[in-house]
Amino acid sequence: MVTYVGFLRAINLGAKRKFPKDSIRAAVEAAGGSNVETYINTGNVRFDLPLRSRAKVEAALEEAFRADRGFEVPTIVFRPAEVVEIAARASAFGHGGRHYVSLLKQEPTAEGVAAVEALSAAEEVAKVAGRAVHLLLGANYHEARLTNAVIERHLGVATNRNLTVIEALADKWCR
């Protein structure tokens, strides 16, 4: 069995995309997962699955979620060591403001990384590190230009979490 941490994109937004934690757990178990845990209601799930291919794990979960919910739920998985690395890398940036992380489904291209990092400005900085884009934002983060939607335009499917959640998951499930 291999342990994974999954991040579900675009759930619990509005009346039609509800996906409660208990239903997430049941769907992961229906896909063959065991030792399933969720953390807060934003689509974070830890589980064990015998599959070793990240793409196959994501596909199996997305199929189970679609069967359970009736809508697409893009899912991005990492191994625990990768989540720890994403959380640890944040301290190297020395940023005291709002810090979000866009988690990417696919490895970014060099062109995509250059395009995203070129969008950085004094108040908003994007740092791409593997399948994680660290968004270092100022106080007015609700008005930020660097958003998950911008990241997706350049790097493909992504879901966003604040650094506090990433660090909590690293501590709770990965260390």
C-alpha atoms as a PDB file:
ATOM      1  CA  MET A   1       0.000   0.000   0.000  1.00  0.00           C
ATOM      2  CA  VAL A   2       1.108   3.522  -0.757  1.00  0.00           C
ATOM      3  CA  THR A   3       0.024   6.565   1.244  1.00  0.00           C
ATOM      4  CA  TYR A   4      -1.210   9.632  -0.627  1.00  0.00           C
ATOM      5  CA  VAL A   5      -2.527  13.067   0.220  1.00  0.00           C
ATOM      6  CA  GLY A   6      -5.220  14.235  -2.164  1.00  0.00           C
ATOM      7  CA  PHE A   7      -6.446  17.744  -2.836  1.00  0.00           C
ATOM      8  CA  LEU A   8      -9.860  18.102  -4.429  1.00  0.00           C
ATOM      9  CA  ARG A   9     -10.515  21.126  -6.617  1.00  0.00           C
ATOM     10  CA  ALA A  10     -13.686  23.229  -6.698  1.00  0.00           C
ATOM     11  CA  ILE A  11     -15.849  21.510  -4.114  1.00  0.00           C
ATOM     12  CA  ASN A  12     -18.181  23.071  -1.551  1.00  0.00           C
ATOM     13  CA  LEU A  13     -18.614  26.120  -3.762  1.00  0.00           C
ATOM     14  CA  GLY A  14     -22.261  27.085  -4.075  1.00  0.00           C
ATOM     15  CA  ALA A  15     -25.292  24.866  -3.748  1.00  0.00           C
ATOM     16  CA  LYS A  16     -24.476  22.439  -6.576  1.00  0.00           C
ATOM     17  CA  ARG A  17     -20.914  21.378  -5.737  1.00  0.00           C
ATOM     18  CA  LYS A  18     -21.322  20.129  -2.167  1.00  0.00           C
ATOM     19  CA  PHE A  19     -19.084  17.235  -1.147  1.00  0.00           C
ATOM     20  CA  PRO A  20     -19.144  16.621   2.638  1.00  0.00           C
ATOM     21  CA  LYS A  21     -16.161  15.007   4.335  1.00  0.00           C
ATOM     22  CA  ASP A  22     -18.046  11.777   5.111  1.00  0.00           C
ATOM     23  CA  SER A  23     -18.990  11.413   1.446  1.00  0.00           C
ATOM     24  CA  ILE A  24     -15.378  12.034   0.391  1.00  0.00           C
ATOM     25  CA  ARG A  25     -14.227   9.284   2.753  1.00  0.00           C
ATOM     26  CA  ALA A  26     -16.860   6.863   1.410  1.00  0.00           C
ATOM     27  CA  ALA A  27     -15.953   7.614  -2.216  1.00  0.00           C
ATOM     28  CA  VAL A  28     -12.221   7.094  -1.558  1.00  0.00           C
ATOM     29  CA  GLU A  29     -13.040   3.771   0.108  1.00  0.00           C
ATOM     30  CA  ALA A  30     -15.211   2.832  -2.915  1.00  0.00           C
ATOM     31  CA  ALA A  31     -12.142   3.471  -5.095  1.00  0.00           C
ATOM     32  CA  GLY A  32     -10.165   0.967  -3.000  1.00  0.00           C
ATOM     33  CA  GLY A  33      -8.661   3.363  -0.457  1.00  0.00           C
ATOM     34  CA  SER A  34      -8.103   2.472   3.181  1.00  0.00           C
ATOM     35  CA  ASN A  35      -7.078   4.371   6.328  1.00  0.00           C
ATOM     36  CA  VAL A  36      -8.961   7.368   4.897  1.00  0.00           C
ATOM     37  CA  GLU A  37      -8.908  10.679   6.791  1.00  0.00           C
ATOM     38  CA  THR A  38     -10.100  14.143   5.855  1.00  0.00           C
ATOM     39  CA  TYR A  39      -9.062  17.541   7.140  1.00  0.00           C
ATOM     40  CA  ILE A  40     -11.418  20.528   7.189  1.00  0.00           C
ATOM     41  CA  ASN A  41     -14.124  20.784   4.566  1.00  0.00           C
ATOM     42  CA  THR A  42     -12.031  22.067   1.651  1.00  0.00           C
ATOM     43  CA  GLY A  43     -11.173  18.752   0.016  1.00  0.00           C
ATOM     44  CA  ASN A  44      -8.076  17.422   1.763  1.00  0.00           C
ATOM     45  CA  VAL A  45      -7.865  13.635   2.134  1.00  0.00           C
ATOM     46  CA  ARG A  46      -5.182  11.156   3.220  1.00  0.00           C
ATOM     47  CA  PHE A  47      -5.490   7.510   2.224  1.00  0.00           C
ATOM     48  CA  ASP A  48      -3.655   4.325   1.364  1.00  0.00           C
ATOM     49  CA  LEU A  49      -4.103   2.703  -2.041  1.00  0.00           C
ATOM     50  CA  PRO A  50      -2.211  -0.148  -3.723  1.00  0.00           C
ATOM     51  CA  LEU A  51      -1.759   1.806  -6.980  1.00  0.00           C
ATOM     52  CA  ARG A  52       1.693   3.290  -7.549  1.00  0.00           C
ATOM     53  CA  SER A  53       1.006   5.552 -10.503  1.00  0.00           C
ATOM     54  CA  ARG A  54      -0.083   9.056  -9.520  1.00  0.00           C
ATOM     55  CA  ALA A  55      -2.100   9.380 -12.745  1.00  0.00           C
ATOM     56  CA  LYS A  56      -3.942   6.108 -12.048  1.00  0.00           C
ATOM     57  CA  VAL A  57      -4.672   7.158  -8.458  1.00  0.00           C
ATOM     58  CA  GLU A  58      -6.060  10.503  -9.621  1.00  0.00           C
ATOM     59  CA  ALA A  59      -8.148   8.823 -12.335  1.00  0.00           C
ATOM     60  CA  ALA A  60      -9.575   6.237  -9.909  1.00  0.00           C
ATOM     61  CA  LEU A  61     -10.542   8.929  -7.413  1.00  0.00           C
ATOM     62  CA  GLU A  62     -12.013  11.227 -10.058  1.00  0.00           C
ATOM     63  CA  GLU A  63     -14.157   8.357 -11.356  1.00  0.00           C
ATOM     64  CA  ALA A  64     -15.358   7.520  -7.820  1.00  0.00           C
ATOM     65  CA  PHE A  65     -16.089  11.176  -7.076  1.00  0.00           C
ATOM     66  CA  ARG A  66     -18.012  11.629 -10.340  1.00  0.00           C
ATOM     67  CA  ALA A  67     -20.051   8.492  -9.574  1.00  0.00           C
ATOM     68  CA  ASP A  68     -20.821   9.731  -6.065  1.00  0.00           C
ATOM     69  CA  ARG A  69     -21.487  13.410  -6.821  1.00  0.00           C
ATOM     70  CA  GLY A  70     -22.540  13.532 -10.455  1.00  0.00           C
ATOM     71  CA  PHE A  71     -19.977  16.214 -11.334  1.00  0.00           C
ATOM     72  CA  GLU A  72     -16.284  16.339 -12.142  1.00  0.00           C
ATOM     73  CA  VAL A  73     -13.897  16.748  -9.204  1.00  0.00           C
ATOM     74  CA  PRO A  74     -10.336  17.324 -10.420  1.00  0.00           C
ATOM     75  CA  THR A  75      -8.037  15.660  -7.913  1.00  0.00           C
ATOM     76  CA  ILE A  76      -4.336  16.255  -7.334  1.00  0.00           C
ATOM     77  CA  VAL A  77      -2.328  13.781  -5.267  1.00  0.00           C
ATOM     78  CA  PHE A  78       1.077  13.901  -3.639  1.00  0.00           C
ATOM     79  CA  ARG A  79       3.046  11.471  -1.524  1.00  0.00           C
ATOM     80  CA  PRO A  80       3.546  12.575   2.103  1.00  0.00           C
ATOM     81  CA  ALA A  81       7.241  13.430   1.593  1.00  0.00           C
ATOM     82  CA  GLU A  82       6.238  15.823  -1.200  1.00  0.00           C
ATOM     83  CA  VAL A  83       3.780  17.629   1.095  1.00  0.00           C
ATOM     84  CA  VAL A  84       6.506  17.980   3.728  1.00  0.00           C
ATOM     85  CA  GLU A  85       8.855  19.401   1.076  1.00  0.00           C
ATOM     86  CA  ILE A  86       6.244  21.935  -0.077  1.00  0.00           C
ATOM     87  CA  ALA A  87       5.709  23.093   3.508  1.00  0.00           C
ATOM     88  CA  ALA A  88       9.457  23.235   4.241  1.00  0.00           C
ATOM     89  CA  ARG A  89      10.244  25.207   1.093  1.00  0.00           C
ATOM     90  CA  ALA A  90       7.958  28.006   2.295  1.00  0.00           C
ATOM     91  CA  SER A  91      10.371  29.006   5.063  1.00  0.00           C
ATOM     92  CA  ALA A  92      13.097  29.663   2.478  1.00  0.00           C
ATOM     93  CA  PHE A  93      11.044  32.470   0.979  1.00  0.00           C
ATOM     94  CA  GLY A  94      11.106  34.544   4.178  1.00  0.00           C
ATOM     95  CA  HIS A  95       7.710  36.028   3.416  1.00  0.00           C
ATOM     96  CA  GLY A  96       5.712  37.600   6.226  1.00  0.00           C
ATOM     97  CA  GLY A  97       2.512  38.246   4.250  1.00  0.00           C
ATOM     98  CA  ARG A  98      -0.214  35.996   2.919  1.00  0.00           C
ATOM     99  CA  HIS A  99       1.193  32.784   1.498  1.00  0.00           C
ATOM    100  CA  TYR A 100      -0.878  30.497  -0.692  1.00  0.00           C
ATOM    101  CA  VAL A 101       0.154  27.412  -2.623  1.00  0.00           C
ATOM    102  CA  SER A 102      -1.355  26.366  -5.941  1.00  0.00           C
ATOM    103  CA  LEU A 103      -0.897  22.616  -6.286  1.00  0.00           C
ATOM    104  CA  LEU A 104      -0.492  21.461  -9.881  1.00  0.00           C
ATOM    105  CA  LYS A 105      -1.882  18.301 -11.453  1.00  0.00           C
ATOM    106  CA  GLN A 106       0.968  18.088 -13.995  1.00  0.00           C
ATOM    107  CA  GLU A 107       4.644  18.984 -13.933  1.00  0.00           C
ATOM    108  CA  PRO A 108       4.943  22.538 -15.280  1.00  0.00           C
ATOM    109  CA  THR A 109       6.761  23.327 -18.503  1.00  0.00           C
ATOM    110  CA  ALA A 110       9.758  25.665 -18.468  1.00  0.00           C
ATOM    111  CA  GLU A 111       7.774  28.128 -20.588  1.00  0.00           C
ATOM    112  CA  GLY A 112       4.852  28.034 -18.161  1.00  0.00           C
ATOM    113  CA  VAL A 113       7.136  28.567 -15.158  1.00  0.00           C
ATOM    114  CA  ALA A 114       8.786  31.548 -16.853  1.00  0.00           C
ATOM    115  CA  ALA A 115       5.389  33.043 -17.735  1.00  0.00           C
ATOM    116  CA  VAL A 116       4.040  32.688 -14.191  1.00  0.00           C
ATOM    117  CA  GLU A 117       7.165  33.986 -12.463  1.00  0.00           C
ATOM    118  CA  ALA A 118       7.255  36.941 -14.898  1.00  0.00           C
ATOM    119  CA  LEU A 119       3.903  38.055 -13.454  1.00  0.00           C
ATOM    120  CA  SER A 120       5.581  38.787 -10.115  1.00  0.00           C
ATOM    121  CA  ALA A 121       5.618  42.362  -8.825  1.00  0.00           C
ATOM    122  CA  ALA A 122       6.720  44.078  -5.611  1.00  0.00           C
ATOM    123  CA  GLU A 123       3.518  43.143  -3.718  1.00  0.00           C
ATOM    124  CA  GLU A 124       2.875  39.758  -5.345  1.00  0.00           C
ATOM    125  CA  VAL A 125       5.458  37.099  -6.100  1.00  0.00           C
ATOM    126  CA  ALA A 126       5.059  33.654  -7.661  1.00  0.00           C
ATOM    127  CA  LYS A 127       7.745  31.016  -7.054  1.00  0.00           C
ATOM    128  CA  VAL A 128       7.334  27.701  -8.850  1.00  0.00           C
ATOM    129  CA  ALA A 129       8.885  24.654  -7.205  1.00  0.00           C
ATOM    130  CA  GLY A 130       7.949  21.417  -8.927  1.00  0.00           C
ATOM    131  CA  ARG A 131       4.188  20.927  -8.813  1.00  0.00           C
ATOM    132  CA  ALA A 132       3.726  23.713  -6.247  1.00  0.00           C
ATOM    133  CA  VAL A 133       3.424  27.411  -6.986  1.00  0.00           C
ATOM    134  CA  HIS A 134       4.038  29.558  -3.916  1.00  0.00           C
ATOM    135  CA  LEU A 135       2.035  32.779  -4.119  1.00  0.00           C
ATOM    136  CA  LEU A 136       3.508  35.386  -1.796  1.00  0.00           C
ATOM    137  CA  LEU A 137       0.885  38.082  -1.506  1.00  0.00           C
ATOM    138  CA  GLY A 138       0.501  41.408   0.277  1.00  0.00           C
ATOM    139  CA  ALA A 139      -2.159  42.542   2.734  1.00  0.00           C
ATOM    140  CA  ASN A 140      -4.820  43.010   0.046  1.00  0.00           C
ATOM    141  CA  TYR A 141      -4.782  39.382  -1.031  1.00  0.00           C
ATOM    142  CA  HIS A 142      -8.490  39.514  -1.953  1.00  0.00           C
ATOM    143  CA  GLU A 143      -7.492  41.932  -4.726  1.00  0.00           C
ATOM    144  CA  ALA A 144      -4.421  39.984  -5.831  1.00  0.00           C
ATOM    145  CA  ARG A 145      -3.615  39.589  -9.515  1.00  0.00           C
ATOM    146  CA  LEU A 146      -1.804  36.316  -8.868  1.00  0.00           C
ATOM    147  CA  THR A 147      -4.671  33.887  -8.302  1.00  0.00           C
ATOM    148  CA  ASN A 148      -5.207  30.189  -8.846  1.00  0.00           C
ATOM    149  CA  ALA A 149      -7.131  31.041 -12.041  1.00  0.00           C
ATOM    150  CA  VAL A 150      -4.043  32.836 -13.399  1.00  0.00           C
ATOM    151  CA  ILE A 151      -1.864  29.880 -12.450  1.00  0.00           C
ATOM    152  CA  GLU A 152      -4.221  27.504 -14.273  1.00  0.00           C
ATOM    153  CA  ARG A 153      -4.114  29.592 -17.451  1.00  0.00           C
ATOM    154  CA  HIS A 154      -0.350  29.087 -17.614  1.00  0.00           C
ATOM    155  CA  LEU A 155       0.248  25.732 -15.906  1.00  0.00           C
ATOM    156  CA  GLY A 156      -2.965  23.692 -16.150  1.00  0.00           C
ATOM    157  CA  VAL A 157      -5.288  22.293 -13.498  1.00  0.00           C
ATOM    158  CA  ALA A 158      -4.441  23.468  -9.989  1.00  0.00           C
ATOM    159  CA  THR A 159      -6.066  23.847  -6.613  1.00  0.00           C
ATOM    160  CA  ASN A 160      -5.116  26.395  -3.997  1.00  0.00           C
ATOM    161  CA  ARG A 161      -4.567  26.153  -0.228  1.00  0.00           C
ATOM    162  CA  ASN A 162      -3.163  28.648   2.217  1.00  0.00           C
ATOM    163  CA  LEU A 163       0.183  27.762   3.724  1.00  0.00           C
ATOM    164  CA  THR A 164      -1.383  27.208   7.147  1.00  0.00           C
ATOM    165  CA  VAL A 165      -3.371  24.267   5.752  1.00  0.00           C
ATOM    166  CA  ILE A 166      -0.343  22.829   3.933  1.00  0.00           C
ATOM    167  CA  GLU A 167       1.736  23.014   7.123  1.00  0.00           C
ATOM    168  CA  ALA A 168      -1.063  21.467   9.194  1.00  0.00           C
ATOM    169  CA  LEU A 169      -1.379  18.565   6.763  1.00  0.00           C
ATOM    170  CA  ALA A 170       2.385  18.043   6.721  1.00  0.00           C
ATOM    171  CA  ASP A 171       2.395  17.885  10.534  1.00  0.00           C
ATOM    172  CA  LYS A 172      -0.777  15.808  10.913  1.00  0.00           C
ATOM    173  CA  TRP A 173      -0.361  13.254   8.134  1.00  0.00           C
ATOM    174  CA  CYS A 174       3.162  13.317   6.739  1.00  0.00           C
ATOM    175  CA  ARG A 175       5.765  13.442   9.484  1.00  0.00           C
END
